[in-house]
Amino acid sequence: MIWGEPDGGTRKPTVQPHEQLAVRAVVSPAPYAEVVRESYQPGWRSKVTA
């Protein structure tokens, strides 16, 4: 993933110029604890399947 804005970002004097960087990330399931993911009752944010 590329993080940052092209060409050093904005020209606003209060924002420091920066470079774009390639960053890596590890995506983990949520909630992180396996027992919580598998055994807790689904909440209002859970996807309901019929």
PDB file of N, CA and C in Angstrom:
ATOM      1  N   MET A   1       0.849  -1.149   0.000  1.00  0.00           N
ATOM      2  CA  MET A   1       0.000   0.000   0.000  1.00  0.00           C
ATOM      3  C   MET A   1       0.906   1.226   0.000  1.00  0.00           C
ATOM      4  N   ILE A   2       0.513   2.251  -0.707  1.00  0.00           N
ATOM      5  CA  ILE A   2       1.265   3.508  -0.726  1.00  0.00           C
ATOM      6  C   ILE A   2       0.619   4.471   0.254  1.00  0.00           C
ATOM      7  N   TRP A   3       1.408   5.000   1.195  1.00  0.00           N
ATOM      8  CA  TRP A   3       0.918   5.902   2.236  1.00  0.00           C
ATOM      9  C   TRP A   3       1.466   7.296   1.984  1.00  0.00           C
ATOM     10  N   GLY A   4       0.598   8.275   1.985  1.00  0.00           N
ATOM     11  CA  GLY A   4       1.023   9.662   1.796  1.00  0.00           C
ATOM     12  C   GLY A   4       0.453  10.250   0.521  1.00  0.00           C
ATOM     13  N   GLU A   5       0.611  11.531   0.387  1.00  0.00           N
ATOM     14  CA  GLU A   5       0.095  12.232  -0.776  1.00  0.00           C
ATOM     15  C   GLU A   5       1.205  12.444  -1.793  1.00  0.00           C
ATOM     16  N   PRO A   6       0.858  12.463  -3.083  1.00  0.00           N
ATOM     17  CA  PRO A   6       1.890  12.673  -4.100  1.00  0.00           C
ATOM     18  C   PRO A   6       2.452  14.085  -4.058  1.00  0.00           C
ATOM     19  N   ASP A   7       3.648  14.232  -4.556  1.00  0.00           N
ATOM     20  CA  ASP A   7       4.318  15.537  -4.701  1.00  0.00           C
ATOM     21  C   ASP A   7       4.487  16.276  -3.383  1.00  0.00           C
ATOM     22  N   GLY A   8       4.731  15.552  -2.311  1.00  0.00           N
ATOM     23  CA  GLY A   8       4.999  16.199  -1.030  1.00  0.00           C
ATOM     24  C   GLY A   8       3.771  16.649  -0.280  1.00  0.00           C
ATOM     25  N   GLY A   9       2.581  16.353  -0.771  1.00  0.00           N
ATOM     26  CA  GLY A   9       1.350  16.715  -0.064  1.00  0.00           C
ATOM     27  C   GLY A   9       0.885  18.117  -0.392  1.00  0.00           C
ATOM     28  N   THR A  10       0.241  18.725   0.568  1.00  0.00           N
ATOM     29  CA  THR A  10      -0.363  20.035   0.385  1.00  0.00           C
ATOM     30  C   THR A  10       0.676  21.158   0.412  1.00  0.00           C
ATOM     31  N   ARG A  11       0.319  22.312  -0.081  1.00  0.00           N
ATOM     32  CA  ARG A  11       1.209  23.476  -0.043  1.00  0.00           C
ATOM     33  C   ARG A  11       0.947  24.344   1.186  1.00  0.00           C
ATOM     34  N   LYS A  12       0.078  23.907   2.079  1.00  0.00           N
ATOM     35  CA  LYS A  12      -0.213  24.673   3.289  1.00  0.00           C
ATOM     36  C   LYS A  12       1.049  24.808   4.129  1.00  0.00           C
ATOM     37  N   PRO A  13       1.320  26.001   4.642  1.00  0.00           N
ATOM     38  CA  PRO A  13       2.564  26.217   5.395  1.00  0.00           C
ATOM     39  C   PRO A  13       2.591  25.500   6.747  1.00  0.00           C
ATOM     40  N   THR A  14       1.438  25.086   7.267  1.00  0.00           N
ATOM     41  CA  THR A  14       1.412  24.417   8.571  1.00  0.00           C
ATOM     42  C   THR A  14       1.616  22.911   8.472  1.00  0.00           C
ATOM     43  N   VAL A  15       1.688  22.374   7.243  1.00  0.00           N
ATOM     44  CA  VAL A  15       1.875  20.939   7.044  1.00  0.00           C
ATOM     45  C   VAL A  15       3.263  20.696   6.477  1.00  0.00           C
ATOM     46  N   GLN A  16       4.017  19.820   7.136  1.00  0.00           N
ATOM     47  CA  GLN A  16       5.369  19.526   6.680  1.00  0.00           C
ATOM     48  C   GLN A  16       5.333  18.713   5.389  1.00  0.00           C
ATOM     49  N   PRO A  17       6.225  19.021   4.433  1.00  0.00           N
ATOM     50  CA  PRO A  17       6.317  18.221   3.215  1.00  0.00           C
ATOM     51  C   PRO A  17       6.718  16.786   3.573  1.00  0.00           C
ATOM     52  N   HIS A  18       6.268  15.825   2.790  1.00  0.00           N
ATOM     53  CA  HIS A  18       6.598  14.437   3.069  1.00  0.00           C
ATOM     54  C   HIS A  18       6.697  13.652   1.769  1.00  0.00           C
ATOM     55  N   GLU A  19       7.202  12.435   1.889  1.00  0.00           N
ATOM     56  CA  GLU A  19       7.324  11.549   0.743  1.00  0.00           C
ATOM     57  C   GLU A  19       6.332  10.404   0.893  1.00  0.00           C
ATOM     58  N   GLN A  20       5.912   9.861  -0.243  1.00  0.00           N
ATOM     59  CA  GLN A  20       5.073   8.676  -0.199  1.00  0.00           C
ATOM     60  C   GLN A  20       5.952   7.480   0.160  1.00  0.00           C
ATOM     61  N   LEU A  21       5.380   6.564   0.949  1.00  0.00           N
ATOM     62  CA  LEU A  21       6.101   5.373   1.358  1.00  0.00           C
ATOM     63  C   LEU A  21       5.265   4.138   1.069  1.00  0.00           C
ATOM     64  N   ALA A  22       5.938   3.066   0.690  1.00  0.00           N
ATOM     65  CA  ALA A  22       5.265   1.778   0.561  1.00  0.00           C
ATOM     66  C   ALA A  22       5.265   1.134   1.945  1.00  0.00           C
ATOM     67  N   VAL A  23       4.092   0.755   2.443  1.00  0.00           N
ATOM     68  CA  VAL A  23       3.987   0.131   3.762  1.00  0.00           C
ATOM     69  C   VAL A  23       3.334  -1.246   3.616  1.00  0.00           C
ATOM     70  N   ARG A  24       3.664  -2.113   4.582  1.00  0.00           N
ATOM     71  CA  ARG A  24       3.053  -3.435   4.621  1.00  0.00           C
ATOM     72  C   ARG A  24       2.133  -3.499   5.826  1.00  0.00           C
ATOM     73  N   ALA A  25       1.151  -4.379   5.751  1.00  0.00           N
ATOM     74  CA  ALA A  25       0.221  -4.534   6.869  1.00  0.00           C
ATOM     75  C   ALA A  25      -0.192  -5.990   6.984  1.00  0.00           C
ATOM     76  N   VAL A  26      -0.495  -6.387   8.206  1.00  0.00           N
ATOM     77  CA  VAL A  26      -1.049  -7.714   8.465  1.00  0.00           C
ATOM     78  C   VAL A  26      -2.491  -7.506   8.910  1.00  0.00           C
ATOM     79  N   VAL A  27      -3.407  -8.145   8.217  1.00  0.00           N
ATOM     80  CA  VAL A  27      -4.821  -8.006   8.543  1.00  0.00           C
ATOM     81  C   VAL A  27      -5.234  -9.221   9.359  1.00  0.00           C
ATOM     82  N   SER A  28      -5.789  -8.966  10.524  1.00  0.00           N
ATOM     83  CA  SER A  28      -6.215 -10.032  11.423  1.00  0.00           C
ATOM     84  C   SER A  28      -7.732 -10.027  11.553  1.00  0.00           C
ATOM     85  N   PRO A  29      -8.311 -11.195  11.871  1.00  0.00           N
ATOM     86  CA  PRO A  29      -9.754 -11.237  12.076  1.00  0.00           C
ATOM     87  C   PRO A  29     -10.156 -10.457  13.320  1.00  0.00           C
ATOM     88  N   ALA A  30     -11.382 -10.008  13.345  1.00  0.00           N
ATOM     89  CA  ALA A  30     -11.872  -9.268  14.507  1.00  0.00           C
ATOM     90  C   ALA A  30     -13.140  -9.936  14.996  1.00  0.00           C
ATOM     91  N   PRO A  31     -13.357 -10.086  16.269  1.00  0.00           N
ATOM     92  CA  PRO A  31     -12.422  -9.805  17.340  1.00  0.00           C
ATOM     93  C   PRO A  31     -11.205 -10.737  17.265  1.00  0.00           C
ATOM     94  N   TYR A  32     -10.114 -10.302  17.857  1.00  0.00           N
ATOM     95  CA  TYR A  32      -8.845 -11.006  17.757  1.00  0.00           C
ATOM     96  C   TYR A  32      -8.877 -12.366  18.437  1.00  0.00           C
ATOM     97  N   ALA A  33      -9.536 -12.468  19.587  1.00  0.00           N
ATOM     98  CA  ALA A  33      -9.582 -13.724  20.337  1.00  0.00           C
ATOM     99  C   ALA A  33     -10.472 -14.738  19.624  1.00  0.00           C
ATOM    100  N   GLU A  34      -9.935 -15.921  19.357  1.00  0.00           N
ATOM    101  CA  GLU A  34     -10.668 -16.953  18.635  1.00  0.00           C
ATOM    102  C   GLU A  34     -11.929 -17.384  19.381  1.00  0.00           C
ATOM    103  N   VAL A  35     -11.842 -17.547  20.695  1.00  0.00           N
ATOM    104  CA  VAL A  35     -13.007 -17.981  21.465  1.00  0.00           C
ATOM    105  C   VAL A  35     -14.147 -16.966  21.367  1.00  0.00           C
ATOM    106  N   VAL A  36     -13.825 -15.710  21.313  1.00  0.00           N
ATOM    107  CA  VAL A  36     -14.848 -14.671  21.182  1.00  0.00           C
ATOM    108  C   VAL A  36     -15.471 -14.730  19.787  1.00  0.00           C
ATOM    109  N   ARG A  37     -14.648 -14.881  18.761  1.00  0.00           N
ATOM    110  CA  ARG A  37     -15.163 -14.958  17.382  1.00  0.00           C
ATOM    111  C   ARG A  37     -16.114 -16.128  17.197  1.00  0.00           C
ATOM    112  N   GLU A  38     -15.790 -17.265  17.823  1.00  0.00           N
ATOM    113  CA  GLU A  38     -16.527 -18.490  17.548  1.00  0.00           C
ATOM    114  C   GLU A  38     -17.683 -18.771  18.503  1.00  0.00           C
ATOM    115  N   SER A  39     -17.658 -18.243  19.729  1.00  0.00           N
ATOM    116  CA  SER A  39     -18.667 -18.682  20.685  1.00  0.00           C
ATOM    117  C   SER A  39     -19.604 -17.582  21.190  1.00  0.00           C
ATOM    118  N   TYR A  40     -19.252 -16.325  21.050  1.00  0.00           N
ATOM    119  CA  TYR A  40     -20.143 -15.265  21.545  1.00  0.00           C
ATOM    120  C   TYR A  40     -21.371 -15.141  20.652  1.00  0.00           C
ATOM    121  N   GLN A  41     -22.461 -14.697  21.222  1.00  0.00           N
ATOM    122  CA  GLN A  41     -23.676 -14.477  20.460  1.00  0.00           C
ATOM    123  C   GLN A  41     -23.472 -13.316  19.493  1.00  0.00           C
ATOM    124  N   PRO A  42     -24.056 -13.409  18.301  1.00  0.00           N
ATOM    125  CA  PRO A  42     -23.920 -12.296  17.359  1.00  0.00           C
ATOM    126  C   PRO A  42     -24.618 -11.048  17.874  1.00  0.00           C
ATOM    127  N   GLY A  43     -24.040  -9.907  17.569  1.00  0.00           N
ATOM    128  CA  GLY A  43     -24.613  -8.632  17.979  1.00  0.00           C
ATOM    129  C   GLY A  43     -25.280  -7.937  16.806  1.00  0.00           C
ATOM    130  N   TRP A  44     -25.676  -6.709  17.043  1.00  0.00           N
ATOM    131  CA  TRP A  44     -26.380  -5.964  15.993  1.00  0.00           C
ATOM    132  C   TRP A  44     -25.485  -5.636  14.808  1.00  0.00           C
ATOM    133  N   ARG A  45     -24.160  -5.705  14.984  1.00  0.00           N
ATOM    134  CA  ARG A  45     -23.264  -5.425  13.863  1.00  0.00           C
ATOM    135  C   ARG A  45     -22.955  -6.662  13.050  1.00  0.00           C
ATOM    136  N   SER A  46     -23.328  -7.829  13.550  1.00  0.00           N
ATOM    137  CA  SER A  46     -23.028  -9.079  12.859  1.00  0.00           C
ATOM    138  C   SER A  46     -23.897  -9.236  11.617  1.00  0.00           C
ATOM    139  N   LYS A  47     -23.339  -9.880  10.619  1.00  0.00           N
ATOM    140  CA  LYS A  47     -24.093 -10.149   9.403  1.00  0.00           C
ATOM    141  C   LYS A  47     -25.058 -11.295   9.684  1.00  0.00           C
ATOM    142  N   VAL A  48     -26.309 -11.097   9.361  1.00  0.00           N
ATOM    143  CA  VAL A  48     -27.330 -12.109   9.595  1.00  0.00           C
ATOM    144  C   VAL A  48     -27.507 -12.911   8.316  1.00  0.00           C
ATOM    145  N   THR A  49     -27.384 -14.228   8.424  1.00  0.00           N
ATOM    146  CA  THR A  49     -27.601 -15.081   7.260  1.00  0.00           C
ATOM    147  C   THR A  49     -28.821 -15.949   7.515  1.00  0.00           C
ATOM    148  N   ALA A  50     -29.656 -16.098   6.518  1.00  0.00           N
ATOM    149  CA  ALA A  50     -30.890 -16.888   6.672  1.00  0.00           C
ATOM    150  C   ALA A  50     -30.740 -18.259   6.082  1.00  0.00           C
TER     151      ALA A  50
END
